[in-house]
Amino acid sequence: MNCCQECGREFASPQLSPFTDAPCPGCQSHHTSFVSGDQLDIAFVEVEEP
């Protein structure tokens, strides 16, 4: 689920990744943020070697 920061509407992201700025279906704003879901996209992992 994404949430629009302009109008507050929560909506399912039509994009493959919810982290992309999917436009709000209510007001068409691109100021949206990821708020919930059952999948996780990992953008970066840093591992220290012993």
C-alpha atoms as a PDB file:
ATOM      1  CA  MET A   1       0.000   0.000   0.000  1.00  0.00           C
ATOM      2  CA  ASN A   2       1.080   3.532  -0.747  1.00  0.00           C
ATOM      3  CA  CYS A   3      -0.162   6.731   0.872  1.00  0.00           C
ATOM      4  CA  CYS A   4      -0.490  10.108  -0.831  1.00  0.00           C
ATOM      5  CA  GLN A   5       1.194  12.895   1.128  1.00  0.00           C
ATOM      6  CA  GLU A   6      -1.069  15.501  -0.524  1.00  0.00           C
ATOM      7  CA  CYS A   7      -4.586  14.108   0.045  1.00  0.00           C
ATOM      8  CA  GLY A   8      -3.925  11.223   2.481  1.00  0.00           C
ATOM      9  CA  ARG A   9      -5.488   8.537   0.277  1.00  0.00           C
ATOM     10  CA  GLU A  10      -4.105   4.999   0.665  1.00  0.00           C
ATOM     11  CA  PHE A  11      -3.961   2.885  -2.494  1.00  0.00           C
ATOM     12  CA  ALA A  12      -2.378  -0.258  -3.903  1.00  0.00           C
ATOM     13  CA  SER A  13       0.604   0.545  -6.099  1.00  0.00           C
ATOM     14  CA  PRO A  14       0.148  -0.468  -9.755  1.00  0.00           C
ATOM     15  CA  GLN A  15       3.959  -0.471 -10.174  1.00  0.00           C
ATOM     16  CA  LEU A  16       6.098  -3.615  -9.852  1.00  0.00           C
ATOM     17  CA  SER A  17       7.817  -2.028  -6.869  1.00  0.00           C
ATOM     18  CA  PRO A  18       5.833  -0.050  -4.273  1.00  0.00           C
ATOM     19  CA  PHE A  19       8.934   2.071  -3.648  1.00  0.00           C
ATOM     20  CA  THR A  20       8.558   3.894  -6.940  1.00  0.00           C
ATOM     21  CA  ASP A  21       6.498   7.064  -6.962  1.00  0.00           C
ATOM     22  CA  ALA A  22       3.199   5.713  -8.199  1.00  0.00           C
ATOM     23  CA  PRO A  23       0.793   8.602  -8.824  1.00  0.00           C
ATOM     24  CA  CYS A  24      -2.178   8.901  -6.497  1.00  0.00           C
ATOM     25  CA  PRO A  25      -5.374   7.754  -8.250  1.00  0.00           C
ATOM     26  CA  GLY A  26      -7.311  10.475  -6.411  1.00  0.00           C
ATOM     27  CA  CYS A  27      -5.321  13.683  -6.969  1.00  0.00           C
ATOM     28  CA  GLN A  28      -2.581  12.456  -9.393  1.00  0.00           C
ATOM     29  CA  SER A  29       0.191  13.690  -7.054  1.00  0.00           C
ATOM     30  CA  HIS A  30       3.559  11.929  -7.209  1.00  0.00           C
ATOM     31  CA  HIS A  31       4.275  12.718  -3.530  1.00  0.00           C
ATOM     32  CA  THR A  32       3.486   9.223  -2.257  1.00  0.00           C
ATOM     33  CA  SER A  33       5.176   6.888   0.188  1.00  0.00           C
ATOM     34  CA  PHE A  34       5.176   3.165   0.924  1.00  0.00           C
ATOM     35  CA  VAL A  35       3.166   2.404   4.087  1.00  0.00           C
ATOM     36  CA  SER A  36       2.504  -1.357   4.164  1.00  0.00           C
ATOM     37  CA  GLY A  37       2.674  -4.609   2.266  1.00  0.00           C
ATOM     38  CA  ASP A  38       3.828  -8.210   2.422  1.00  0.00           C
ATOM     39  CA  GLN A  39       6.904  -7.910   0.196  1.00  0.00           C
ATOM     40  CA  LEU A  40      10.235  -6.203   0.700  1.00  0.00           C
ATOM     41  CA  ASP A  41      12.622  -4.780  -1.883  1.00  0.00           C
ATOM     42  CA  ILE A  42      16.220  -4.654  -0.664  1.00  0.00           C
ATOM     43  CA  ALA A  43      18.101  -1.839  -2.359  1.00  0.00           C
ATOM     44  CA  PHE A  44      21.483  -2.249  -0.643  1.00  0.00           C
ATOM     45  CA  VAL A  45      23.160  -4.650   1.794  1.00  0.00           C
ATOM     46  CA  GLU A  46      26.529  -4.035   3.440  1.00  0.00           C
ATOM     47  CA  VAL A  47      28.187  -7.023   5.109  1.00  0.00           C
ATOM     48  CA  GLU A  48      31.380  -6.920   7.145  1.00  0.00           C
ATOM     49  CA  GLU A  49      33.684  -9.861   6.580  1.00  0.00           C
ATOM     50  CA  PRO A  50      35.393 -11.358   9.645  1.00  0.00           C
END
